[in-house]
């Protein structure tokens, strides 16, 4: 069920996994997506779900591939049956993306030690600045 695999990159680790050139611990697969166990998990049940379309960032993935990823992620999350979990998707090296092929992490959080640890350095913003940014943003959509 490996088709379609579009825009493949010969140097991409995940493209090689999709093509069957590198083995993986496949959890599930659809026409547009692949789910497999992370080989360096943060906790038991850490699974990657990837679109079968090569692009470094989420906004570059065609909608039909993105529309397939979330239902597969949901199915995998139900099978993992973790009470607490994170869904993580990074875009760009500054955002901690290591493999430059869009991928979603399902990371169970069974306790304080295992799973994803997050620091959230929130700051207060002037409401006028937010309103101005909202206007700018919605004009681009």
C-alpha atoms as a PDB file:
ATOM      1  CA  UNK A   1       0.000   0.000   0.000  1.00  0.00           C
ATOM      2  CA  UNK A   2       2.974   2.318  -0.463  1.00  0.00           C
ATOM      3  CA  UNK A   3       1.465   4.397  -3.326  1.00  0.00           C
ATOM      4  CA  UNK A   4       1.250   7.298  -3.759  1.00  0.00           C
ATOM      5  CA  UNK A   5       4.603   8.612  -2.595  1.00  0.00           C
ATOM      6  CA  UNK A   6       4.975  11.990  -4.197  1.00  0.00           C
ATOM      7  CA  UNK A   7       7.793  14.481  -4.341  1.00  0.00           C
ATOM      8  CA  UNK A   8      10.188  11.892  -2.840  1.00  0.00           C
ATOM      9  CA  UNK A   9      13.689  12.954  -1.877  1.00  0.00           C
ATOM     10  CA  UNK A  10      16.557  10.477  -2.368  1.00  0.00           C
ATOM     11  CA  UNK A  11      18.352  11.824   0.722  1.00  0.00           C
ATOM     12  CA  UNK A  12      15.347  11.765   3.084  1.00  0.00           C
ATOM     13  CA  UNK A  13      15.266   9.131   5.829  1.00  0.00           C
ATOM     14  CA  UNK A  14      11.459   9.047   5.897  1.00  0.00           C
ATOM     15  CA  UNK A  15      11.193   8.834   2.090  1.00  0.00           C
ATOM     16  CA  UNK A  16      13.494   5.801   2.274  1.00  0.00           C
ATOM     17  CA  UNK A  17      11.224   4.253   4.925  1.00  0.00           C
ATOM     18  CA  UNK A  18       8.128   4.897   2.788  1.00  0.00           C
ATOM     19  CA  UNK A  19       9.871   3.323  -0.216  1.00  0.00           C
ATOM     20  CA  UNK A  20      10.825   0.244   1.837  1.00  0.00           C
ATOM     21  CA  UNK A  21      14.572   0.900   1.507  1.00  0.00           C
ATOM     22  CA  UNK A  22      14.917   1.226   5.286  1.00  0.00           C
ATOM     23  CA  UNK A  23      12.851  -1.030   7.563  1.00  0.00           C
ATOM     24  CA  UNK A  24      10.496   0.317  10.197  1.00  0.00           C
ATOM     25  CA  UNK A  25       8.159  -1.024  12.869  1.00  0.00           C
ATOM     26  CA  UNK A  26       5.001  -0.260  10.892  1.00  0.00           C
ATOM     27  CA  UNK A  27       1.907   0.342  13.023  1.00  0.00           C
ATOM     28  CA  UNK A  28      -0.535   1.317  10.274  1.00  0.00           C
ATOM     29  CA  UNK A  29      -0.633   2.576   6.723  1.00  0.00           C
ATOM     30  CA  UNK A  30      -3.071   4.275   4.369  1.00  0.00           C
ATOM     31  CA  UNK A  31      -2.721   5.398   0.781  1.00  0.00           C
ATOM     32  CA  UNK A  32      -1.415   8.812   1.910  1.00  0.00           C
ATOM     33  CA  UNK A  33       0.144   8.175   5.359  1.00  0.00           C
ATOM     34  CA  UNK A  34       2.398   5.835   7.319  1.00  0.00           C
ATOM     35  CA  UNK A  35       2.583   5.281  11.092  1.00  0.00           C
ATOM     36  CA  UNK A  36       5.532   3.546  12.748  1.00  0.00           C
ATOM     37  CA  UNK A  37       7.206   3.221  16.137  1.00  0.00           C
ATOM     38  CA  UNK A  38       9.855   5.812  16.954  1.00  0.00           C
ATOM     39  CA  UNK A  39      13.190   3.995  17.393  1.00  0.00           C
ATOM     40  CA  UNK A  40      14.304   6.568  20.000  1.00  0.00           C
ATOM     41  CA  UNK A  41      11.069   6.889  21.988  1.00  0.00           C
ATOM     42  CA  UNK A  42      10.417   9.362  24.776  1.00  0.00           C
ATOM     43  CA  UNK A  43       7.969   6.811  26.220  1.00  0.00           C
ATOM     44  CA  UNK A  44       6.348   3.482  25.344  1.00  0.00           C
ATOM     45  CA  UNK A  45       3.916   4.040  22.470  1.00  0.00           C
ATOM     46  CA  UNK A  46       5.851   6.944  20.892  1.00  0.00           C
ATOM     47  CA  UNK A  47       4.738   6.737  17.262  1.00  0.00           C
ATOM     48  CA  UNK A  48       5.474   8.809  14.171  1.00  0.00           C
ATOM     49  CA  UNK A  49       2.797   9.481  11.555  1.00  0.00           C
ATOM     50  CA  UNK A  50       4.089  10.839   8.263  1.00  0.00           C
ATOM     51  CA  UNK A  51       2.460  11.875   5.002  1.00  0.00           C
ATOM     52  CA  UNK A  52       3.650  10.015   1.910  1.00  0.00           C
ATOM     53  CA  UNK A  53       4.540  13.346   0.352  1.00  0.00           C
ATOM     54  CA  UNK A  54       7.964  14.838   0.879  1.00  0.00           C
ATOM     55  CA  UNK A  55       8.057  18.412   2.102  1.00  0.00           C
ATOM     56  CA  UNK A  56       9.991  19.932   4.989  1.00  0.00           C
ATOM     57  CA  UNK A  57       7.133  22.009   6.412  1.00  0.00           C
ATOM     58  CA  UNK A  58       3.451  21.386   7.025  1.00  0.00           C
ATOM     59  CA  UNK A  59       2.199  24.293   4.899  1.00  0.00           C
ATOM     60  CA  UNK A  60       3.901  22.677   1.870  1.00  0.00           C
ATOM     61  CA  UNK A  61       1.913  19.416   2.115  1.00  0.00           C
ATOM     62  CA  UNK A  62      -1.135  19.054  -0.178  1.00  0.00           C
ATOM     63  CA  UNK A  63      -4.461  19.095   1.667  1.00  0.00           C
ATOM     64  CA  UNK A  64      -5.412  15.518   0.716  1.00  0.00           C
ATOM     65  CA  UNK A  65      -2.306  14.216   2.522  1.00  0.00           C
ATOM     66  CA  UNK A  66      -2.909  16.381   5.594  1.00  0.00           C
ATOM     67  CA  UNK A  67      -6.578  15.319   5.642  1.00  0.00           C
ATOM     68  CA  UNK A  68      -5.406  11.700   5.865  1.00  0.00           C
ATOM     69  CA  UNK A  69      -2.849  12.182   8.645  1.00  0.00           C
ATOM     70  CA  UNK A  70      -5.189  13.207  11.502  1.00  0.00           C
ATOM     71  CA  UNK A  71      -7.652  10.297  11.173  1.00  0.00           C
ATOM     72  CA  UNK A  72      -4.688   7.888  11.182  1.00  0.00           C
ATOM     73  CA  UNK A  73      -3.194   9.707  14.177  1.00  0.00           C
ATOM     74  CA  UNK A  74      -6.541   9.393  15.966  1.00  0.00           C
ATOM     75  CA  UNK A  75      -6.728   5.658  15.212  1.00  0.00           C
ATOM     76  CA  UNK A  76      -3.185   5.153  16.517  1.00  0.00           C
ATOM     77  CA  UNK A  77      -3.895   7.231  19.650  1.00  0.00           C
ATOM     78  CA  UNK A  78      -6.917   5.050  20.426  1.00  0.00           C
ATOM     79  CA  UNK A  79      -4.795   1.903  20.031  1.00  0.00           C
ATOM     80  CA  UNK A  80      -2.035   3.281  22.289  1.00  0.00           C
ATOM     81  CA  UNK A  81      -4.744   4.005  24.866  1.00  0.00           C
ATOM     82  CA  UNK A  82      -2.724   6.582  26.800  1.00  0.00           C
ATOM     83  CA  UNK A  83      -4.701   8.729  29.212  1.00  0.00           C
ATOM     84  CA  UNK A  84      -2.294  11.638  28.632  1.00  0.00           C
ATOM     85  CA  UNK A  85      -0.330  12.291  25.447  1.00  0.00           C
ATOM     86  CA  UNK A  86       1.127  15.006  23.241  1.00  0.00           C
ATOM     87  CA  UNK A  87       0.880  15.456  19.490  1.00  0.00           C
ATOM     88  CA  UNK A  88       4.009  17.264  18.325  1.00  0.00           C
ATOM     89  CA  UNK A  89       4.821  18.609  14.857  1.00  0.00           C
ATOM     90  CA  UNK A  90       7.861  20.848  14.342  1.00  0.00           C
ATOM     91  CA  UNK A  91       8.597  23.036  11.308  1.00  0.00           C
ATOM     92  CA  UNK A  92      12.208  24.111  10.752  1.00  0.00           C
ATOM     93  CA  UNK A  93      15.443  23.588  12.627  1.00  0.00           C
ATOM     94  CA  UNK A  94      14.843  26.484  15.056  1.00  0.00           C
ATOM     95  CA  UNK A  95      11.592  24.717  15.985  1.00  0.00           C
ATOM     96  CA  UNK A  96      13.605  21.529  16.729  1.00  0.00           C
ATOM     97  CA  UNK A  97      12.816  19.665  13.494  1.00  0.00           C
ATOM     98  CA  UNK A  98      15.587  17.137  12.823  1.00  0.00           C
ATOM     99  CA  UNK A  99      14.221  15.099   9.890  1.00  0.00           C
ATOM    100  CA  UNK A 100      13.158  17.542   7.181  1.00  0.00           C
ATOM    101  CA  UNK A 101      10.065  15.573   6.153  1.00  0.00           C
ATOM    102  CA  UNK A 102       6.804  16.564   7.828  1.00  0.00           C
ATOM    103  CA  UNK A 103       6.000  14.199  10.675  1.00  0.00           C
ATOM    104  CA  UNK A 104       3.732  14.084  13.691  1.00  0.00           C
ATOM    105  CA  UNK A 105       4.798  12.556  16.993  1.00  0.00           C
ATOM    106  CA  UNK A 106       2.264  10.820  19.232  1.00  0.00           C
ATOM    107  CA  UNK A 107       4.021  10.821  22.608  1.00  0.00           C
ATOM    108  CA  UNK A 108       2.300   9.174  25.590  1.00  0.00           C
ATOM    109  CA  UNK A 109       2.876  10.974  28.920  1.00  0.00           C
ATOM    110  CA  UNK A 110       2.511   8.195  31.522  1.00  0.00           C
ATOM    111  CA  UNK A 111       4.248  10.111  34.331  1.00  0.00           C
ATOM    112  CA  UNK A 112       6.359  13.216  35.042  1.00  0.00           C
ATOM    113  CA  UNK A 113       9.625  11.521  33.987  1.00  0.00           C
ATOM    114  CA  UNK A 114       8.615   9.893  30.690  1.00  0.00           C
ATOM    115  CA  UNK A 115       7.196  11.524  27.579  1.00  0.00           C
ATOM    116  CA  UNK A 116       7.584  15.067  26.378  1.00  0.00           C
ATOM    117  CA  UNK A 117       8.823  17.789  28.715  1.00  0.00           C
ATOM    118  CA  UNK A 118       7.754  21.298  27.776  1.00  0.00           C
ATOM    119  CA  UNK A 119       8.748  24.767  28.868  1.00  0.00           C
ATOM    120  CA  UNK A 120       6.217  27.451  27.879  1.00  0.00           C
ATOM    121  CA  UNK A 121       7.702  30.929  28.365  1.00  0.00           C
ATOM    122  CA  UNK A 122       4.462  32.866  27.849  1.00  0.00           C
ATOM    123  CA  UNK A 123       4.480  36.641  27.865  1.00  0.00           C
ATOM    124  CA  UNK A 124       1.827  39.324  28.153  1.00  0.00           C
ATOM    125  CA  UNK A 125       1.018  41.243  24.974  1.00  0.00           C
ATOM    126  CA  UNK A 126      -0.767  44.538  24.548  1.00  0.00           C
ATOM    127  CA  UNK A 127      -4.356  43.880  23.346  1.00  0.00           C
ATOM    128  CA  UNK A 128      -3.973  46.640  20.734  1.00  0.00           C
ATOM    129  CA  UNK A 129      -0.958  44.787  19.290  1.00  0.00           C
ATOM    130  CA  UNK A 130      -3.018  41.596  19.162  1.00  0.00           C
ATOM    131  CA  UNK A 131      -5.880  43.359  17.383  1.00  0.00           C
ATOM    132  CA  UNK A 132      -3.480  44.901  14.862  1.00  0.00           C
ATOM    133  CA  UNK A 133      -1.820  41.544  14.196  1.00  0.00           C
ATOM    134  CA  UNK A 134      -5.212  39.841  13.826  1.00  0.00           C
ATOM    135  CA  UNK A 135      -6.192  42.356  11.165  1.00  0.00           C
ATOM    136  CA  UNK A 136      -2.902  41.812   9.304  1.00  0.00           C
ATOM    137  CA  UNK A 137      -3.191  38.031   9.550  1.00  0.00           C
ATOM    138  CA  UNK A 138      -6.818  37.740   8.420  1.00  0.00           C
ATOM    139  CA  UNK A 139      -6.091  39.992   5.423  1.00  0.00           C
ATOM    140  CA  UNK A 140      -3.598  37.372   4.214  1.00  0.00           C
ATOM    141  CA  UNK A 141      -6.128  34.559   4.458  1.00  0.00           C
END
